Each structure stands twice: as structure tokens, then as C-alpha cells.
Amino acid sequence: MVEIEKIAIIANFRKKEAIEAGKNLSKILKKRKIEVLMPDLSNFINTYGLKESGLKLISGVARKADIIILLGGDGTLLTAARAIAPTEKPILPINVGGIGFLIETDISNIDEVVDAVFDGRYHLDKRMLLRVEIGNWHSEVLNDIEIHRGLAPQVAHIEILRKDKVPITFSGDGLIISTPTGSTAYSLSAGGPIIDPSLEVVLYTPICSHPHIIAPFILPTTESVRIKGRIAIGTHICLTIDGQVRKKLTWDEEMIVTKSEHNIHIIRFKGWELFKVLRDRWGWHDLREDKALDREIDK
């Protein structure tokens, strides 16, 4: 249980309801004599999300706080994770007007949530991250890295280089490199498997590969993997990190992917469980169960 004196509130400044929720939560916390840190991020937003300067602001605020409360949806968690991960501070994501696949709690029961946090009635769900490096630039990754051909009509040629191992090469629309947390995102849509988030592995899912025999595969986190990509006509391929950060990779450059030395720690209450969420949100269950029940009822 963390002794709480300061709490940082990071609200999605694209959502008015998240900003209002942050103001109301601040009042609740101040009544408990808690110092609240709530940065104004409205000037740090661009077309794709939060600017690097905004991430630095979140990181600085997070270092001063005992826990960080996020108000928004999964996108808010993905954004903030890149900034908060190096601090290893507990994160409490609260869903405000979004799907919130990764989020357990909702703004409608905020009083219960606050009480549970201060009473220590929670546990921490540790999630691994990846680190991606291109030259002097780097980023933490909670969900996935997407390598794709962008608007080019030609296929992308991908090389996955492993130390003292045979390279893995293929052509296609691209490649998704994901954590277990990200296995239920774009990788799943591209035919990748679902991985329990308690495991520490890296999932590689080719997108429309040629030859088609190149299937999704899993590698250990102990490896440092170098990746190159090119298009027959063109100077670069595109990268997207957690659906938010966009970069370009030329054929002369390498992208290095390793397991991050940092993790994020999500505050859970009732025990977020992957296959329960899949069942409740996506209807992952045997429809014959319902038919059996219907037959019993008919009798």
C-alpha cells in the first residue's frame, strides 16, 4: 500500500467530460487534504495526439506524485504510459466516455474508487513495455509498433535480424510488433493470437505477407531485434507506435526493439481478467450454452 500525499490527475483534454471529471475529482481529493497536480495539456496536443513536450510535462508531474489518475479511455492510458513508465508510479485509469478495454473502473463510481484506493483495497497489475530505438530517438511502447507501406502501391520488404540467428524476411503490407497487452489490438485483427498479459514475450504479426506461409510468431524478450524495411519505389516506410506516434524509417536506418527496463503498474480492484473482459465486452463464449438454456426454459 502506497502512502498517498500527492496525486497527479491526467485528463484527456480532447474530452470536455474528462476535464470536468478532473475538476470534480480534485475537489474530492482536496477534502481529504491531498495535494492535487493536474497539468493543463490543452496547448500540447497535435493531430496525432500529445506532443513530446506534453509527455515531458506528464513525466515531470508523475515524478512528484504518489499515484497517477488517468481520466479518459484506452488512448489516454497508451499516451500517458510512455511518459509515466520510467517513474514506475502506480496508475489508476478511469474510463470517461470511451470503450476502456484495458480499464476496469468507470467515472460513475468515483467515490467508491477513491475510498478503495485510500483503504488500500487494490492490487497492482504489472505490464511489460517494449523500447524502440531509431538512431538517437527512442520511445516506450505499451501496445504495439506497426511497420507499414503507408500510401505506397508497392509491398514493403521487411528484414528481422537476430544475433547469430537466420534472418526472417518477407514482403507484404507490413508488420505488427506487440506486447501481450497489445495482442488484442491491431495484431488480433491481422490474425495474431491472444496472449495472456502476465507473460513476457514479443509477438510479431505480418500484415498480408507474401508468401502467405509466414505466420505470426513469438520471440523471447531476452533478444534485441534489429528491423529494416524498404519499398521498391520510395525512400522510406512508415512506423506507428501505439497508434499515436508516427515516424519514418529509411532503408539506411535500423529500428532496434528490446524489452523496456520499465513496467507500468495499473491499480486494479476486482481483478481485471483478460478472458472475462473478452467474454463480457466481445461476447467470447459458446453460443450453444445459450441454446441449451433456451431448451431448458422451453421444457
Protein backbone atom coordinates (compact mmCIF):
# COMPACT_ATOMS: atom_id res chain seq x y z
CA MET A 1 0.00 0.00 0.00
CA VAL A 2 1.37 3.38 -1.04
CA GLU A 3 1.23 6.30 1.40
CA ILE A 4 -0.65 8.98 -0.50
CA GLU A 5 0.06 12.68 -0.08
CA LYS A 6 0.14 13.87 -3.70
CA ILE A 7 -1.97 12.67 -6.63
CA ALA A 8 -1.48 13.65 -10.26
CA ILE A 9 -4.59 13.82 -12.45
CA ILE A 10 -4.03 13.47 -16.19
CA ALA A 11 -7.21 14.23 -18.11
CA ASN A 12 -7.82 13.77 -21.82
CA PHE A 13 -8.05 17.40 -22.91
CA ARG A 14 -9.90 16.42 -26.07
CA LYS A 15 -12.88 15.43 -23.90
CA LYS A 16 -14.82 18.07 -22.01
CA GLU A 17 -16.28 15.40 -19.75
CA ALA A 18 -12.77 14.29 -18.76
CA ILE A 19 -11.76 17.85 -17.85
CA GLU A 20 -14.93 18.30 -15.79
CA ALA A 21 -14.36 14.94 -14.11
CA GLY A 22 -10.83 16.09 -13.24
CA LYS A 23 -12.11 19.26 -11.59
CA ASN A 24 -14.70 17.33 -9.57
CA LEU A 25 -12.14 14.71 -8.55
CA SER A 26 -9.75 17.46 -7.44
CA LYS A 27 -12.40 18.77 -5.05
CA ILE A 28 -12.97 15.29 -3.61
CA LEU A 29 -9.24 14.75 -3.06
CA LYS A 30 -8.62 18.18 -1.56
CA LYS A 31 -11.28 17.45 1.06
CA ARG A 32 -9.03 14.56 2.08
CA LYS A 33 -6.11 17.01 2.42
CA ILE A 34 -4.42 15.57 -0.68
CA GLU A 35 -2.27 17.79 -2.86
CA VAL A 36 -3.52 17.55 -6.45
CA LEU A 37 -1.32 18.06 -9.50
CA MET A 38 -3.36 18.50 -12.70
CA PRO A 39 -1.37 19.88 -15.65
CA ASP A 40 -3.09 21.78 -18.43
CA LEU A 41 -2.29 19.80 -21.59
CA SER A 42 -4.52 21.74 -23.96
CA ASN A 43 -1.55 23.51 -25.61
CA PHE A 44 0.40 20.29 -26.15
CA ILE A 45 -1.98 18.45 -28.48
CA ASN A 46 -1.42 17.92 -32.19
CA THR A 47 -3.20 15.98 -34.94
CA TYR A 48 -1.90 12.61 -33.78
CA GLY A 49 -2.07 13.07 -30.02
CA LEU A 50 0.23 14.61 -27.45
CA LYS A 51 3.45 16.38 -28.42
CA GLU A 52 6.78 15.27 -26.93
CA SER A 53 6.76 18.41 -24.79
CA GLY A 54 3.42 17.29 -23.36
CA LEU A 55 4.86 13.88 -22.48
CA LYS A 56 7.74 15.60 -20.68
CA LEU A 57 5.23 17.64 -18.69
CA ILE A 58 3.34 14.48 -17.67
CA SER A 59 6.60 12.76 -16.72
CA GLY A 60 7.65 15.67 -14.51
CA VAL A 61 4.29 15.77 -12.75
CA ALA A 62 4.26 11.97 -12.32
CA ARG A 63 7.63 12.01 -10.56
CA LYS A 64 6.23 14.36 -7.91
CA ALA A 65 3.08 12.31 -7.26
CA ASP A 66 2.49 9.13 -5.25
CA ILE A 67 -0.08 7.79 -7.73
CA ILE A 68 -1.38 9.00 -11.08
CA ILE A 69 -5.07 9.01 -12.01
CA LEU A 70 -5.89 9.00 -15.72
CA LEU A 71 -9.26 10.25 -16.95
CA GLY A 72 -10.16 9.17 -20.48
CA GLY A 73 -10.08 5.89 -22.36
CA ASP A 74 -7.51 3.39 -23.59
CA GLY A 75 -5.89 6.07 -25.74
CA THR A 76 -5.19 8.18 -22.68
CA LEU A 77 -3.56 5.19 -20.99
CA LEU A 78 -1.41 4.45 -24.05
CA THR A 79 -0.26 8.07 -24.24
CA ALA A 80 0.48 8.51 -20.56
CA ALA A 81 2.22 5.13 -20.22
CA ARG A 82 5.11 6.33 -22.39
CA ALA A 83 5.70 9.24 -20.03
CA ILE A 84 4.93 7.56 -16.70
CA ALA A 85 6.70 4.21 -17.20
CA PRO A 86 10.19 5.44 -16.16
CA THR A 87 8.77 6.60 -12.81
CA GLU A 88 7.24 3.16 -12.04
CA LYS A 89 4.42 5.01 -10.21
CA PRO A 90 1.02 3.27 -9.79
CA ILE A 91 -1.53 4.30 -12.41
CA LEU A 92 -5.30 4.36 -11.85
CA PRO A 93 -7.08 4.66 -15.22
CA ILE A 94 -10.73 5.70 -15.02
CA ASN A 95 -12.91 5.42 -18.10
CA VAL A 96 -14.66 8.61 -19.19
CA GLY A 97 -16.83 8.24 -22.27
CA GLY A 98 -14.81 5.57 -24.07
CA ILE A 99 -14.72 1.81 -24.56
CA GLY A 100 -11.98 1.31 -21.98
CA PHE A 101 -10.96 -2.26 -22.85
CA LEU A 102 -7.90 -2.03 -20.58
CA ILE A 103 -9.72 -0.05 -17.90
CA GLU A 104 -11.60 -1.60 -15.02
CA THR A 105 -13.25 1.42 -13.36
CA ASP A 106 -15.77 3.98 -14.54
CA ILE A 107 -16.26 7.63 -13.59
CA SER A 108 -19.80 6.83 -12.39
CA ASN A 109 -18.48 5.13 -9.23
CA ILE A 110 -15.65 7.56 -8.49
CA ASP A 111 -16.46 7.84 -4.75
CA GLU A 112 -16.15 4.06 -4.28
CA VAL A 113 -12.91 4.03 -6.24
CA VAL A 114 -11.34 6.81 -4.14
CA ASP A 115 -12.36 5.06 -0.92
CA ALA A 116 -10.84 1.77 -2.11
CA VAL A 117 -7.55 3.45 -3.03
CA PHE A 118 -7.16 5.16 0.33
CA ASP A 119 -8.16 1.98 2.17
CA GLY A 120 -5.56 0.00 0.26
CA ARG A 121 -8.15 -2.35 -1.23
CA TYR A 122 -6.40 -2.85 -4.55
CA HIS A 123 -3.55 -4.70 -6.19
CA LEU A 124 -1.10 -3.76 -8.93
CA ASP A 125 -1.26 -5.30 -12.39
CA LYS A 126 2.26 -5.18 -13.88
CA ARG A 127 2.50 -4.82 -17.66
CA MET A 128 5.70 -5.07 -19.68
CA LEU A 129 6.65 -2.49 -22.31
CA LEU A 130 8.88 -2.51 -25.35
CA ARG A 131 11.53 0.05 -26.20
CA VAL A 132 12.01 1.10 -29.81
CA GLU A 133 15.10 2.99 -30.96
CA ILE A 134 15.90 4.68 -34.28
CA GLY A 135 19.25 6.44 -34.12
CA ASN A 136 19.18 8.79 -31.13
CA TRP A 137 15.38 8.68 -30.88
CA HIS A 138 13.54 6.20 -28.65
CA SER A 139 10.11 5.55 -27.17
CA GLU A 140 8.38 3.22 -24.74
CA VAL A 141 5.62 1.05 -26.20
CA LEU A 142 2.67 -0.39 -24.26
CA ASN A 143 0.64 -1.87 -27.14
CA ASP A 144 2.40 -2.18 -30.47
CA ILE A 145 4.72 -0.93 -33.18
CA GLU A 146 3.28 -1.01 -36.69
CA ILE A 147 5.57 -1.03 -39.72
CA HIS A 148 3.61 -0.36 -42.91
CA ARG A 149 3.94 0.75 -46.52
CA GLY A 150 1.71 3.78 -46.00
CA LEU A 151 0.16 5.04 -49.24
CA ALA A 152 2.75 3.36 -51.48
CA PRO A 153 1.23 0.93 -54.03
CA GLN A 154 4.22 -1.44 -53.72
CA VAL A 155 4.69 -4.01 -50.96
CA ALA A 156 7.10 -3.42 -48.08
CA HIS A 157 10.15 -5.67 -47.77
CA ILE A 158 10.86 -6.48 -44.13
CA GLU A 159 14.03 -7.92 -42.58
CA ILE A 160 14.05 -9.07 -38.97
CA LEU A 161 17.66 -9.52 -37.87
CA ARG A 162 18.53 -11.57 -34.77
CA LYS A 163 22.01 -12.04 -33.36
CA ASP A 164 23.60 -15.31 -34.54
CA LYS A 165 20.25 -16.45 -35.99
CA VAL A 166 18.87 -16.76 -39.51
CA PRO A 167 17.13 -13.51 -40.57
CA ILE A 168 13.35 -13.57 -41.00
CA THR A 169 12.38 -11.86 -44.26
CA PHE A 170 9.10 -11.36 -46.10
CA SER A 171 7.15 -8.91 -48.23
CA GLY A 172 3.67 -7.59 -47.57
CA ASP A 173 1.73 -4.64 -46.24
CA GLY A 174 3.81 -4.52 -43.08
CA LEU A 175 4.48 -5.96 -39.64
CA ILE A 176 2.99 -5.52 -36.17
CA ILE A 177 5.26 -5.98 -33.16
CA SER A 178 3.23 -6.16 -29.97
CA THR A 179 3.40 -6.79 -26.27
CA PRO A 180 0.98 -9.25 -24.67
CA THR A 181 -1.14 -6.21 -23.75
CA GLY A 182 -1.25 -5.22 -27.42
CA SER A 183 -2.08 -8.71 -28.65
CA THR A 184 -5.80 -7.86 -28.50
CA ALA A 185 -5.38 -4.73 -30.64
CA TYR A 186 -4.33 -4.47 -34.31
CA SER A 187 -2.42 -7.77 -34.18
CA LEU A 188 -5.61 -9.67 -33.38
CA SER A 189 -7.37 -8.11 -36.39
CA ALA A 190 -4.42 -9.20 -38.55
CA GLY A 191 -4.74 -12.83 -37.42
CA GLY A 192 -2.40 -12.84 -34.43
CA PRO A 193 -3.04 -14.84 -31.24
CA ILE A 194 -4.24 -13.51 -27.90
CA ILE A 195 -1.51 -13.62 -25.24
CA ASP A 196 -2.15 -13.52 -21.51
CA PRO A 197 -0.70 -10.20 -20.23
CA SER A 198 1.13 -11.94 -17.37
CA LEU A 199 3.55 -13.45 -19.92
CA GLU A 200 6.65 -11.61 -21.10
CA VAL A 201 7.11 -12.30 -24.81
CA VAL A 202 7.09 -10.30 -28.04
CA LEU A 203 4.55 -11.05 -30.76
CA TYR A 204 5.34 -10.50 -34.45
CA THR A 205 2.34 -10.45 -36.81
CA PRO A 206 2.96 -9.98 -40.56
CA ILE A 207 0.28 -7.98 -42.37
CA CYS A 208 -0.86 -9.62 -45.63
CA SER A 209 2.51 -11.32 -46.05
CA HIS A 210 3.83 -12.91 -49.23
CA PRO A 211 4.42 -15.79 -49.16
CA HIS A 212 1.35 -16.32 -47.03
CA ILE A 213 3.13 -19.15 -45.19
CA ILE A 214 4.81 -16.52 -42.99
CA ALA A 215 2.57 -16.80 -39.92
CA PRO A 216 2.54 -14.78 -36.68
CA PHE A 217 5.37 -15.84 -34.35
CA ILE A 218 6.55 -15.18 -30.81
CA LEU A 219 10.11 -14.38 -29.69
CA PRO A 220 11.59 -14.11 -26.18
CA THR A 221 12.13 -10.73 -24.55
CA THR A 222 15.80 -11.57 -23.99
CA GLU A 223 16.62 -10.79 -27.62
CA SER A 224 17.50 -7.42 -29.09
CA VAL A 225 15.96 -7.43 -32.58
CA ARG A 226 17.02 -5.19 -35.46
CA ILE A 227 14.48 -4.44 -38.18
CA LYS A 228 14.92 -2.92 -41.63
CA GLY A 229 12.28 -2.13 -44.22
CA ARG A 230 12.06 -0.70 -47.71
CA ILE A 231 9.71 -0.18 -50.64
CA ALA A 232 10.84 -0.73 -54.25
CA ILE A 233 9.85 2.79 -55.28
CA GLY A 234 10.23 5.22 -52.42
CA THR A 235 12.68 6.26 -49.76
CA HIS A 236 11.02 5.13 -46.55
CA ILE A 237 8.38 3.05 -44.85
CA CYS A 238 6.13 4.28 -42.05
CA LEU A 239 6.04 3.45 -38.35
CA THR A 240 3.18 3.99 -35.92
CA ILE A 241 3.69 3.48 -32.19
CA ASP A 242 0.66 2.72 -30.03
CA GLY A 243 -1.49 4.20 -32.80
CA GLN A 244 -0.24 7.68 -31.92
CA VAL A 245 3.43 8.37 -32.66
CA ARG A 246 4.43 8.42 -36.34
CA LYS A 247 7.96 8.03 -37.68
CA LYS A 248 9.70 7.25 -40.97
CA LEU A 249 12.31 4.56 -41.49
CA THR A 250 14.65 4.74 -44.49
CA TRP A 251 16.49 1.70 -45.86
CA ASP A 252 19.72 3.07 -44.38
CA GLU A 253 18.21 3.06 -40.89
CA GLU A 254 17.58 0.25 -38.44
CA MET A 255 14.89 0.03 -35.83
CA ILE A 256 16.01 -1.75 -32.66
CA VAL A 257 13.34 -3.38 -30.50
CA THR A 258 14.06 -4.59 -26.97
CA LYS A 259 12.14 -5.21 -23.79
CA SER A 260 11.96 -1.98 -21.82
CA GLU A 261 13.63 -1.90 -18.42
CA HIS A 262 10.45 -0.25 -17.16
CA ASN A 263 6.96 -1.59 -16.49
CA ILE A 264 3.68 0.10 -15.81
CA HIS A 265 1.67 -0.77 -12.72
CA ILE A 266 -2.11 -0.46 -13.10
CA ILE A 267 -4.28 -0.25 -9.99
CA ARG A 268 -6.94 -2.99 -10.04
CA PHE A 269 -9.76 -3.69 -7.62
CA LYS A 270 -11.92 -6.69 -8.52
CA GLY A 271 -9.28 -8.42 -10.57
CA TRP A 272 -9.28 -7.44 -14.24
CA GLU A 273 -9.07 -10.72 -16.14
CA LEU A 274 -8.48 -10.88 -19.88
CA PHE A 275 -10.88 -13.63 -20.85
CA LYS A 276 -13.61 -12.26 -18.60
CA VAL A 277 -13.30 -8.95 -20.45
CA LEU A 278 -13.38 -10.77 -23.80
CA ARG A 279 -16.49 -12.61 -22.71
CA ASP A 280 -18.26 -9.54 -21.33
CA ARG A 281 -17.23 -6.99 -23.98
CA TRP A 282 -16.87 -9.10 -27.13
CA GLY A 283 -19.21 -11.98 -26.42
CA TRP A 284 -16.47 -14.64 -26.36
CA HIS A 285 -18.48 -17.62 -25.19
CA ASP A 286 -20.07 -20.76 -26.54
CA LEU A 287 -23.40 -19.78 -28.09
CA ARG A 288 -24.53 -23.35 -27.53
CA GLU A 289 -24.70 -22.54 -23.83
CA ASP A 290 -27.48 -20.06 -24.57
CA LYS A 291 -29.23 -22.55 -26.83
CA ALA A 292 -29.03 -25.18 -24.12
CA LEU A 293 -30.51 -22.74 -21.64
CA ASP A 294 -33.28 -21.87 -24.09
CA ARG A 295 -34.13 -25.55 -24.48
CA GLU A 296 -34.25 -25.96 -20.73
CA ILE A 297 -36.53 -22.96 -20.44
CA ASP A 298 -38.79 -24.28 -23.22
CA LYS A 299 -39.21 -27.51 -21.25
